[in-house]
Amino acid sequence: MDADWSLDLKRYGLSRPFFKEQSIWAVWIYRLGRRLDRRPEGFMKRILTSLWWPVFRLIETLVGITLPKSAEIGPGLRIWHFGGIIVHAHAVIGANCTLRQGVTIGNRSFEGPVPVIGDSVDIGAYAQVLGGIRIGNRCKIGALSVVLTDMPDDSTAVGAPARIILHKST
């Protein structure tokens, strides 16, 4: 059992989350893929990766969540209300982040830069975070927002395009 997976499970806070939250399936297959990538090169890694790939695609299709194993996602990821969630293969997401249905984290143009999202960020339903931007720690992004610019720590953004409506200074 790896520490990141343990923290993911803790955020779900349910007994038997595999029967109650389909989004945990996507988080599980993501974490499994990351563990496989850390294995030493060789025959066993190739076999396990070739078995992992169709399971990843099946779960991705069933739950509508794309979490590529090449994305860097910190421990404690919580996905509420699965479905329609796309995370770019090169995105970076910090620890203890929350995603809701329909969230897109990606680039604005083919092979363009992708977001870096801090720790404890809460992203509302159908929000889009696009381009080479940085979302600070403890930020909140409202439902249906389209975030195209950096957000400082402890801020809240809403709208399309998103604008910061609240910033707590420390």
N, C-alpha and C. Protein backbone atom coordinates (compact mmCIF):
# COMPACT_ATOMS: atom_id res chain seq x y z
N MET A 1 0.86 -1.19 0.00
CA MET A 1 0.00 0.00 0.00
C MET A 1 0.90 1.24 0.00
N ASP A 2 0.70 2.14 -0.96
CA ASP A 2 1.52 3.34 -0.94
C ASP A 2 0.83 4.47 -0.17
N ALA A 3 1.62 5.41 0.29
CA ALA A 3 1.13 6.48 1.14
C ALA A 3 0.13 7.38 0.42
N ASP A 4 0.37 7.67 -0.87
CA ASP A 4 -0.56 8.52 -1.63
C ASP A 4 -1.94 7.88 -1.70
N TRP A 5 -1.98 6.59 -2.00
CA TRP A 5 -3.25 5.87 -2.08
C TRP A 5 -3.96 5.88 -0.74
N SER A 6 -3.22 5.69 0.35
CA SER A 6 -3.82 5.71 1.69
C SER A 6 -4.48 7.06 1.97
N LEU A 7 -3.82 8.15 1.58
CA LEU A 7 -4.40 9.47 1.79
C LEU A 7 -5.61 9.72 0.88
N ASP A 8 -5.57 9.17 -0.33
CA ASP A 8 -6.75 9.26 -1.22
C ASP A 8 -7.94 8.59 -0.54
N LEU A 9 -7.74 7.38 -0.05
CA LEU A 9 -8.82 6.64 0.60
C LEU A 9 -9.35 7.39 1.82
N LYS A 10 -8.46 7.99 2.58
CA LYS A 10 -8.86 8.74 3.77
C LYS A 10 -9.78 9.89 3.40
N ARG A 11 -9.51 10.57 2.29
CA ARG A 11 -10.37 11.69 1.86
C ARG A 11 -11.77 11.23 1.47
N TYR A 12 -11.90 9.98 1.04
CA TYR A 12 -13.23 9.46 0.69
C TYR A 12 -14.03 9.18 1.95
N GLY A 13 -13.36 8.82 3.02
CA GLY A 13 -14.02 8.69 4.32
C GLY A 13 -15.18 7.72 4.39
N LEU A 14 -15.19 6.74 3.54
CA LEU A 14 -16.29 5.79 3.52
C LEU A 14 -15.75 4.38 3.76
N SER A 15 -16.57 3.56 4.34
CA SER A 15 -16.19 2.15 4.34
C SER A 15 -16.58 1.60 2.97
N ARG A 16 -15.74 0.79 2.42
CA ARG A 16 -15.94 0.18 1.11
C ARG A 16 -16.25 1.21 0.01
N PRO A 17 -15.36 2.19 -0.22
CA PRO A 17 -15.64 3.21 -1.23
C PRO A 17 -15.76 2.67 -2.65
N PHE A 18 -15.18 1.49 -2.93
CA PHE A 18 -15.27 0.94 -4.28
C PHE A 18 -16.71 0.61 -4.67
N PHE A 19 -17.58 0.41 -3.69
CA PHE A 19 -18.98 0.12 -3.98
C PHE A 19 -19.86 1.36 -3.93
N LYS A 20 -19.33 2.47 -3.42
CA LYS A 20 -20.15 3.66 -3.21
C LYS A 20 -19.73 4.85 -4.07
N GLU A 21 -18.50 4.87 -4.52
CA GLU A 21 -17.96 6.01 -5.29
C GLU A 21 -17.19 5.50 -6.49
N GLN A 22 -17.76 5.63 -7.68
CA GLN A 22 -17.08 5.14 -8.87
C GLN A 22 -15.80 5.92 -9.17
N SER A 23 -15.70 7.15 -8.71
CA SER A 23 -14.51 7.94 -8.99
C SER A 23 -13.26 7.33 -8.37
N ILE A 24 -13.41 6.57 -7.30
CA ILE A 24 -12.25 5.95 -6.66
C ILE A 24 -11.59 4.95 -7.59
N TRP A 25 -12.34 4.39 -8.53
CA TRP A 25 -11.76 3.44 -9.48
C TRP A 25 -10.69 4.14 -10.32
N ALA A 26 -11.01 5.37 -10.77
CA ALA A 26 -10.05 6.12 -11.60
C ALA A 26 -8.82 6.51 -10.79
N VAL A 27 -9.01 6.89 -9.54
CA VAL A 27 -7.88 7.25 -8.69
C VAL A 27 -7.02 6.01 -8.45
N TRP A 28 -7.65 4.88 -8.20
CA TRP A 28 -6.92 3.63 -7.96
C TRP A 28 -6.07 3.23 -9.17
N ILE A 29 -6.66 3.26 -10.37
CA ILE A 29 -5.90 2.83 -11.54
C ILE A 29 -4.78 3.84 -11.84
N TYR A 30 -5.00 5.11 -11.55
CA TYR A 30 -3.94 6.11 -11.68
C TYR A 30 -2.77 5.77 -10.75
N ARG A 31 -3.07 5.53 -9.48
CA ARG A 31 -2.01 5.23 -8.50
C ARG A 31 -1.29 3.93 -8.87
N LEU A 32 -2.02 2.95 -9.35
CA LEU A 32 -1.40 1.69 -9.76
C LEU A 32 -0.44 1.93 -10.93
N GLY A 33 -0.85 2.74 -11.89
CA GLY A 33 0.01 3.06 -13.02
C GLY A 33 1.28 3.77 -12.58
N ARG A 34 1.17 4.68 -11.62
CA ARG A 34 2.36 5.38 -11.10
C ARG A 34 3.31 4.40 -10.43
N ARG A 35 2.75 3.44 -9.68
CA ARG A 35 3.61 2.43 -9.03
C ARG A 35 4.31 1.57 -10.08
N LEU A 36 3.58 1.21 -11.13
CA LEU A 36 4.20 0.42 -12.20
C LEU A 36 5.34 1.18 -12.87
N ASP A 37 5.17 2.48 -13.07
CA ASP A 37 6.22 3.28 -13.70
C ASP A 37 7.49 3.35 -12.84
N ARG A 38 7.34 3.20 -11.53
CA ARG A 38 8.51 3.24 -10.64
C ARG A 38 9.25 1.91 -10.57
N ARG A 39 8.68 0.86 -11.13
CA ARG A 39 9.35 -0.45 -11.12
C ARG A 39 10.60 -0.41 -12.00
N PRO A 40 11.57 -1.26 -11.68
CA PRO A 40 12.75 -1.33 -12.54
C PRO A 40 12.38 -1.83 -13.94
N GLU A 41 13.11 -1.35 -14.93
CA GLU A 41 12.86 -1.78 -16.30
C GLU A 41 13.06 -3.29 -16.41
N GLY A 42 12.30 -3.90 -17.29
CA GLY A 42 12.47 -5.33 -17.50
C GLY A 42 11.19 -6.00 -17.94
N PHE A 43 11.27 -7.31 -18.03
CA PHE A 43 10.17 -8.12 -18.53
C PHE A 43 8.90 -7.94 -17.69
N MET A 44 9.05 -8.01 -16.35
CA MET A 44 7.89 -7.94 -15.48
C MET A 44 7.18 -6.58 -15.60
N LYS A 45 7.94 -5.51 -15.70
CA LYS A 45 7.33 -4.18 -15.86
C LYS A 45 6.56 -4.12 -17.17
N ARG A 46 7.12 -4.66 -18.25
CA ARG A 46 6.43 -4.64 -19.54
C ARG A 46 5.14 -5.45 -19.48
N ILE A 47 5.16 -6.60 -18.86
CA ILE A 47 3.96 -7.44 -18.74
C ILE A 47 2.89 -6.73 -17.91
N LEU A 48 3.29 -6.22 -16.74
CA LEU A 48 2.32 -5.55 -15.87
C LEU A 48 1.74 -4.30 -16.53
N THR A 49 2.57 -3.55 -17.24
CA THR A 49 2.08 -2.36 -17.94
C THR A 49 1.12 -2.74 -19.06
N SER A 50 1.41 -3.81 -19.78
CA SER A 50 0.51 -4.24 -20.85
C SER A 50 -0.82 -4.75 -20.29
N LEU A 51 -0.82 -5.27 -19.08
CA LEU A 51 -2.08 -5.65 -18.42
C LEU A 51 -2.80 -4.43 -17.86
N TRP A 52 -2.03 -3.46 -17.38
CA TRP A 52 -2.61 -2.25 -16.79
C TRP A 52 -3.36 -1.44 -17.85
N TRP A 53 -2.79 -1.32 -19.04
CA TRP A 53 -3.33 -0.42 -20.07
C TRP A 53 -4.81 -0.69 -20.41
N PRO A 54 -5.24 -1.93 -20.72
CA PRO A 54 -6.66 -2.12 -21.02
C PRO A 54 -7.57 -1.90 -19.82
N VAL A 55 -7.07 -2.18 -18.62
CA VAL A 55 -7.88 -1.91 -17.42
C VAL A 55 -8.06 -0.40 -17.25
N PHE A 56 -6.98 0.36 -17.47
CA PHE A 56 -7.07 1.83 -17.43
C PHE A 56 -8.12 2.33 -18.41
N ARG A 57 -8.07 1.85 -19.66
CA ARG A 57 -9.03 2.31 -20.68
C ARG A 57 -10.46 1.91 -20.33
N LEU A 58 -10.64 0.73 -19.78
CA LEU A 58 -11.98 0.29 -19.38
C LEU A 58 -12.53 1.19 -18.28
N ILE A 59 -11.75 1.42 -17.25
CA ILE A 59 -12.21 2.27 -16.15
C ILE A 59 -12.43 3.70 -16.62
N GLU A 60 -11.52 4.21 -17.46
CA GLU A 60 -11.68 5.55 -18.02
C GLU A 60 -13.02 5.68 -18.75
N THR A 61 -13.37 4.66 -19.51
CA THR A 61 -14.62 4.67 -20.27
C THR A 61 -15.83 4.53 -19.36
N LEU A 62 -15.74 3.65 -18.38
CA LEU A 62 -16.87 3.41 -17.48
C LEU A 62 -17.21 4.61 -16.61
N VAL A 63 -16.20 5.29 -16.08
CA VAL A 63 -16.47 6.37 -15.14
C VAL A 63 -16.32 7.75 -15.75
N GLY A 64 -15.78 7.84 -16.97
CA GLY A 64 -15.66 9.14 -17.62
C GLY A 64 -14.63 10.05 -16.96
N ILE A 65 -13.56 9.46 -16.45
CA ILE A 65 -12.49 10.24 -15.81
C ILE A 65 -11.17 9.84 -16.44
N THR A 66 -10.43 10.82 -16.94
CA THR A 66 -9.12 10.58 -17.52
C THR A 66 -8.05 11.13 -16.59
N LEU A 67 -7.32 10.22 -15.93
CA LEU A 67 -6.19 10.58 -15.07
C LEU A 67 -4.97 9.83 -15.59
N PRO A 68 -4.27 10.38 -16.58
CA PRO A 68 -3.11 9.68 -17.13
C PRO A 68 -2.03 9.50 -16.08
N LYS A 69 -1.35 8.38 -16.12
CA LYS A 69 -0.32 8.11 -15.12
C LYS A 69 0.87 9.04 -15.25
N SER A 70 1.01 9.75 -16.34
CA SER A 70 2.11 10.70 -16.50
C SER A 70 1.83 12.03 -15.80
N ALA A 71 0.58 12.31 -15.45
CA ALA A 71 0.25 13.52 -14.70
C ALA A 71 0.81 13.36 -13.28
N GLU A 72 1.19 14.47 -12.68
CA GLU A 72 1.68 14.44 -11.30
C GLU A 72 0.56 14.90 -10.38
N ILE A 73 0.02 13.97 -9.61
CA ILE A 73 -1.10 14.27 -8.73
C ILE A 73 -0.70 13.90 -7.31
N GLY A 74 -0.77 14.88 -6.43
CA GLY A 74 -0.39 14.67 -5.04
C GLY A 74 -1.37 13.77 -4.31
N PRO A 75 -1.00 13.39 -3.10
CA PRO A 75 -1.86 12.50 -2.31
C PRO A 75 -3.14 13.20 -1.86
N GLY A 76 -4.14 12.42 -1.56
CA GLY A 76 -5.38 12.96 -1.04
C GLY A 76 -6.32 13.51 -2.09
N LEU A 77 -6.24 13.03 -3.32
CA LEU A 77 -7.16 13.50 -4.37
C LEU A 77 -8.57 13.00 -4.05
N ARG A 78 -9.55 13.91 -4.15
CA ARG A 78 -10.95 13.55 -3.94
C ARG A 78 -11.74 14.01 -5.14
N ILE A 79 -12.45 13.09 -5.77
CA ILE A 79 -13.30 13.42 -6.91
C ILE A 79 -14.74 13.17 -6.48
N TRP A 80 -15.52 14.24 -6.49
CA TRP A 80 -16.94 14.14 -6.18
C TRP A 80 -17.71 14.03 -7.50
N HIS A 81 -18.74 13.24 -7.50
CA HIS A 81 -19.66 13.18 -8.64
C HIS A 81 -18.92 12.92 -9.95
N PHE A 82 -18.50 11.70 -10.12
CA PHE A 82 -17.67 11.32 -11.26
C PHE A 82 -18.29 11.71 -12.59
N GLY A 83 -17.46 11.75 -13.60
CA GLY A 83 -17.91 11.90 -14.97
C GLY A 83 -17.41 13.16 -15.64
N GLY A 84 -16.91 13.00 -16.85
CA GLY A 84 -16.51 14.12 -17.68
C GLY A 84 -15.27 14.85 -17.19
N ILE A 85 -14.42 14.19 -16.43
CA ILE A 85 -13.22 14.84 -15.89
C ILE A 85 -12.02 14.47 -16.75
N ILE A 86 -11.33 15.51 -17.23
CA ILE A 86 -10.15 15.32 -18.08
C ILE A 86 -8.98 16.05 -17.45
N VAL A 87 -7.90 15.31 -17.19
CA VAL A 87 -6.66 15.90 -16.69
C VAL A 87 -5.59 15.64 -17.74
N HIS A 88 -4.92 16.70 -18.18
CA HIS A 88 -3.88 16.59 -19.19
C HIS A 88 -2.73 15.72 -18.67
N ALA A 89 -2.09 15.03 -19.58
CA ALA A 89 -1.02 14.10 -19.22
C ALA A 89 0.17 14.77 -18.55
N HIS A 90 0.34 16.08 -18.72
CA HIS A 90 1.48 16.78 -18.12
C HIS A 90 1.07 17.74 -17.01
N ALA A 91 -0.19 17.69 -16.61
CA ALA A 91 -0.66 18.58 -15.53
C ALA A 91 -0.02 18.19 -14.21
N VAL A 92 0.06 19.17 -13.32
CA VAL A 92 0.55 18.95 -11.96
C VAL A 92 -0.55 19.40 -11.01
N ILE A 93 -0.95 18.51 -10.12
CA ILE A 93 -1.99 18.79 -9.14
C ILE A 93 -1.43 18.48 -7.76
N GLY A 94 -1.56 19.41 -6.83
CA GLY A 94 -1.00 19.25 -5.50
C GLY A 94 -1.78 18.28 -4.62
N ALA A 95 -1.43 18.27 -3.36
CA ALA A 95 -2.04 17.37 -2.38
C ALA A 95 -3.41 17.87 -1.93
N ASN A 96 -4.26 16.94 -1.59
CA ASN A 96 -5.58 17.22 -0.99
C ASN A 96 -6.47 18.11 -1.86
N CYS A 97 -6.43 17.90 -3.15
CA CYS A 97 -7.27 18.68 -4.07
C CYS A 97 -8.60 17.97 -4.30
N THR A 98 -9.60 18.75 -4.66
CA THR A 98 -10.94 18.24 -4.91
C THR A 98 -11.37 18.65 -6.31
N LEU A 99 -11.85 17.66 -7.07
CA LEU A 99 -12.40 17.90 -8.40
C LEU A 99 -13.86 17.46 -8.40
N ARG A 100 -14.69 18.20 -9.12
CA ARG A 100 -16.08 17.80 -9.28
C ARG A 100 -16.34 17.47 -10.75
N GLN A 101 -17.54 16.99 -11.04
CA GLN A 101 -17.84 16.51 -12.39
C GLN A 101 -17.59 17.57 -13.44
N GLY A 102 -17.13 17.09 -14.59
CA GLY A 102 -16.96 17.96 -15.74
C GLY A 102 -15.72 18.83 -15.73
N VAL A 103 -14.82 18.66 -14.79
CA VAL A 103 -13.62 19.50 -14.70
C VAL A 103 -12.64 19.14 -15.82
N THR A 104 -12.05 20.17 -16.43
CA THR A 104 -10.99 19.99 -17.41
C THR A 104 -9.77 20.75 -16.94
N ILE A 105 -8.63 20.06 -16.91
CA ILE A 105 -7.35 20.68 -16.58
C ILE A 105 -6.44 20.38 -17.76
N GLY A 106 -6.14 21.40 -18.56
CA GLY A 106 -5.40 21.12 -19.78
C GLY A 106 -4.77 22.34 -20.41
N ASN A 107 -4.35 22.16 -21.67
CA ASN A 107 -3.69 23.24 -22.40
C ASN A 107 -4.71 24.02 -23.24
N ARG A 108 -4.26 25.14 -23.75
CA ARG A 108 -5.12 25.98 -24.59
C ARG A 108 -4.84 25.78 -26.06
N SER A 109 -3.69 25.19 -26.38
CA SER A 109 -3.34 24.93 -27.77
C SER A 109 -2.56 23.63 -27.85
N PHE A 110 -2.51 23.05 -29.01
CA PHE A 110 -1.80 21.79 -29.20
C PHE A 110 -0.37 21.92 -28.70
N GLU A 111 0.04 21.04 -27.84
CA GLU A 111 1.37 21.00 -27.23
C GLU A 111 1.70 22.26 -26.44
N GLY A 112 0.68 23.02 -26.05
CA GLY A 112 0.91 24.20 -25.23
C GLY A 112 1.12 23.82 -23.77
N PRO A 113 1.53 24.80 -22.95
CA PRO A 113 1.77 24.53 -21.54
C PRO A 113 0.48 24.21 -20.80
N VAL A 114 0.62 23.54 -19.66
CA VAL A 114 -0.53 23.10 -18.87
C VAL A 114 -0.44 23.67 -17.45
N PRO A 115 -1.54 23.66 -16.72
CA PRO A 115 -1.56 24.25 -15.37
C PRO A 115 -0.74 23.47 -14.34
N VAL A 116 -0.31 24.23 -13.35
CA VAL A 116 0.26 23.69 -12.12
C VAL A 116 -0.68 24.14 -11.01
N ILE A 117 -1.25 23.17 -10.33
CA ILE A 117 -2.26 23.46 -9.32
C ILE A 117 -1.68 23.15 -7.95
N GLY A 118 -1.82 24.09 -7.02
CA GLY A 118 -1.26 23.95 -5.68
C GLY A 118 -2.02 22.96 -4.82
N ASP A 119 -1.71 22.97 -3.54
CA ASP A 119 -2.33 22.07 -2.57
C ASP A 119 -3.69 22.60 -2.11
N SER A 120 -4.56 21.68 -1.75
CA SER A 120 -5.87 21.99 -1.15
C SER A 120 -6.72 22.91 -2.03
N VAL A 121 -6.68 22.69 -3.32
CA VAL A 121 -7.48 23.48 -4.26
C VAL A 121 -8.81 22.75 -4.50
N ASP A 122 -9.88 23.51 -4.51
CA ASP A 122 -11.23 22.97 -4.70
C ASP A 122 -11.76 23.51 -6.03
N ILE A 123 -11.99 22.61 -6.99
CA ILE A 123 -12.42 23.01 -8.33
C ILE A 123 -13.87 22.59 -8.54
N GLY A 124 -14.74 23.56 -8.81
CA GLY A 124 -16.16 23.33 -8.94
C GLY A 124 -16.55 22.63 -10.24
N ALA A 125 -17.79 22.19 -10.28
CA ALA A 125 -18.33 21.43 -11.41
C ALA A 125 -18.18 22.20 -12.73
N TYR A 126 -17.73 21.49 -13.73
CA TYR A 126 -17.59 21.98 -15.11
C TYR A 126 -16.63 23.16 -15.26
N ALA A 127 -15.78 23.38 -14.27
CA ALA A 127 -14.76 24.42 -14.38
C ALA A 127 -13.66 23.94 -15.32
N GLN A 128 -13.02 24.89 -15.97
CA GLN A 128 -11.90 24.60 -16.86
C GLN A 128 -10.71 25.43 -16.40
N VAL A 129 -9.57 24.76 -16.25
CA VAL A 129 -8.32 25.42 -15.87
C VAL A 129 -7.37 25.13 -17.03
N LEU A 130 -7.02 26.19 -17.78
CA LEU A 130 -6.35 25.98 -19.06
C LEU A 130 -5.09 26.82 -19.22
N GLY A 131 -4.08 26.23 -19.82
CA GLY A 131 -2.86 26.94 -20.18
C GLY A 131 -1.79 26.84 -19.11
N GLY A 132 -0.67 27.48 -19.38
CA GLY A 132 0.49 27.43 -18.49
C GLY A 132 0.34 28.38 -17.31
N ILE A 133 -0.63 28.12 -16.47
CA ILE A 133 -0.91 29.00 -15.33
C ILE A 133 -0.62 28.27 -14.03
N ARG A 134 -0.51 29.06 -12.96
CA ARG A 134 -0.32 28.49 -11.63
C ARG A 134 -1.51 28.86 -10.77
N ILE A 135 -2.10 27.83 -10.17
CA ILE A 135 -3.19 28.03 -9.21
C ILE A 135 -2.57 27.85 -7.83
N GLY A 136 -2.66 28.85 -6.99
CA GLY A 136 -2.03 28.82 -5.68
C GLY A 136 -2.67 27.82 -4.73
N ASN A 137 -2.08 27.69 -3.57
CA ASN A 137 -2.59 26.79 -2.54
C ASN A 137 -3.90 27.32 -1.96
N ARG A 138 -4.76 26.41 -1.59
CA ARG A 138 -6.03 26.70 -0.91
C ARG A 138 -6.96 27.60 -1.72
N CYS A 139 -6.88 27.53 -3.04
CA CYS A 139 -7.77 28.31 -3.90
C CYS A 139 -9.09 27.57 -4.10
N LYS A 140 -10.11 28.36 -4.46
CA LYS A 140 -11.41 27.81 -4.82
C LYS A 140 -11.78 28.35 -6.20
N ILE A 141 -12.25 27.44 -7.04
CA ILE A 141 -12.67 27.81 -8.39
C ILE A 141 -14.13 27.44 -8.52
N GLY A 142 -14.95 28.42 -8.83
CA GLY A 142 -16.39 28.22 -8.89
C GLY A 142 -16.82 27.37 -10.07
N ALA A 143 -18.01 26.81 -9.95
CA ALA A 143 -18.60 26.00 -11.01
C ALA A 143 -18.69 26.80 -12.30
N LEU A 144 -18.44 26.15 -13.41
CA LEU A 144 -18.52 26.72 -14.75
C LEU A 144 -17.49 27.81 -15.04
N SER A 145 -16.52 27.99 -14.16
CA SER A 145 -15.49 29.01 -14.38
C SER A 145 -14.48 28.54 -15.42
N VAL A 146 -13.90 29.50 -16.12
CA VAL A 146 -12.84 29.23 -17.09
C VAL A 146 -11.63 30.04 -16.63
N VAL A 147 -10.68 29.36 -16.01
CA VAL A 147 -9.51 30.03 -15.43
C VAL A 147 -8.38 30.02 -16.45
N LEU A 148 -7.94 31.23 -16.85
CA LEU A 148 -6.91 31.39 -17.87
C LEU A 148 -5.69 32.15 -17.36
N THR A 149 -5.74 32.62 -16.11
CA THR A 149 -4.63 33.38 -15.53
C THR A 149 -4.29 32.82 -14.16
N ASP A 150 -3.10 33.17 -13.68
CA ASP A 150 -2.64 32.71 -12.37
C ASP A 150 -3.60 33.15 -11.27
N MET A 151 -3.63 32.35 -10.22
CA MET A 151 -4.41 32.68 -9.02
C MET A 151 -3.46 32.63 -7.83
N PRO A 152 -3.42 33.70 -7.03
CA PRO A 152 -2.57 33.67 -5.84
C PRO A 152 -3.15 32.73 -4.78
N ASP A 153 -2.33 32.35 -3.82
CA ASP A 153 -2.79 31.52 -2.70
C ASP A 153 -4.03 32.13 -2.07
N ASP A 154 -4.90 31.26 -1.56
CA ASP A 154 -6.08 31.66 -0.77
C ASP A 154 -7.05 32.56 -1.51
N SER A 155 -7.20 32.37 -2.82
CA SER A 155 -8.13 33.20 -3.58
C SER A 155 -9.27 32.36 -4.13
N THR A 156 -10.33 33.06 -4.51
CA THR A 156 -11.51 32.43 -5.10
C THR A 156 -11.78 33.09 -6.44
N ALA A 157 -12.04 32.27 -7.46
CA ALA A 157 -12.31 32.80 -8.79
C ALA A 157 -13.61 32.24 -9.33
N VAL A 158 -14.35 33.06 -10.04
CA VAL A 158 -15.60 32.65 -10.68
C VAL A 158 -15.73 33.33 -12.03
N GLY A 159 -16.55 32.76 -12.89
CA GLY A 159 -16.88 33.39 -14.16
C GLY A 159 -16.14 32.80 -15.34
N ALA A 160 -16.56 33.28 -16.53
CA ALA A 160 -15.96 32.84 -17.78
C ALA A 160 -15.70 34.08 -18.65
N PRO A 161 -14.50 34.57 -18.76
CA PRO A 161 -13.31 34.09 -18.08
C PRO A 161 -13.36 34.42 -16.59
N ALA A 162 -12.67 33.61 -15.80
CA ALA A 162 -12.72 33.76 -14.35
C ALA A 162 -12.03 35.04 -13.89
N ARG A 163 -12.58 35.61 -12.85
CA ARG A 163 -11.96 36.75 -12.20
C ARG A 163 -11.92 36.45 -10.69
N ILE A 164 -10.93 36.98 -10.05
CA ILE A 164 -10.77 36.73 -8.61
C ILE A 164 -11.73 37.64 -7.87
N ILE A 165 -12.58 37.02 -7.04
CA ILE A 165 -13.56 37.80 -6.28
C ILE A 165 -13.22 37.88 -4.80
N LEU A 166 -12.28 37.04 -4.37
CA LEU A 166 -11.92 37.03 -2.96
C LEU A 166 -10.48 36.61 -2.85
N HIS A 167 -9.73 37.34 -2.06
CA HIS A 167 -8.34 36.98 -1.79
C HIS A 167 -8.06 37.26 -0.33
N LYS A 168 -7.77 36.19 0.40
CA LYS A 168 -7.42 36.35 1.82
C LYS A 168 -5.92 36.57 1.90
N SER A 169 -5.51 37.68 2.47
CA SER A 169 -4.08 37.88 2.66
C SER A 169 -3.69 37.32 4.02
N THR A 170 -2.52 36.70 4.07
CA THR A 170 -2.10 36.08 5.33
C THR A 170 -1.20 36.96 6.13
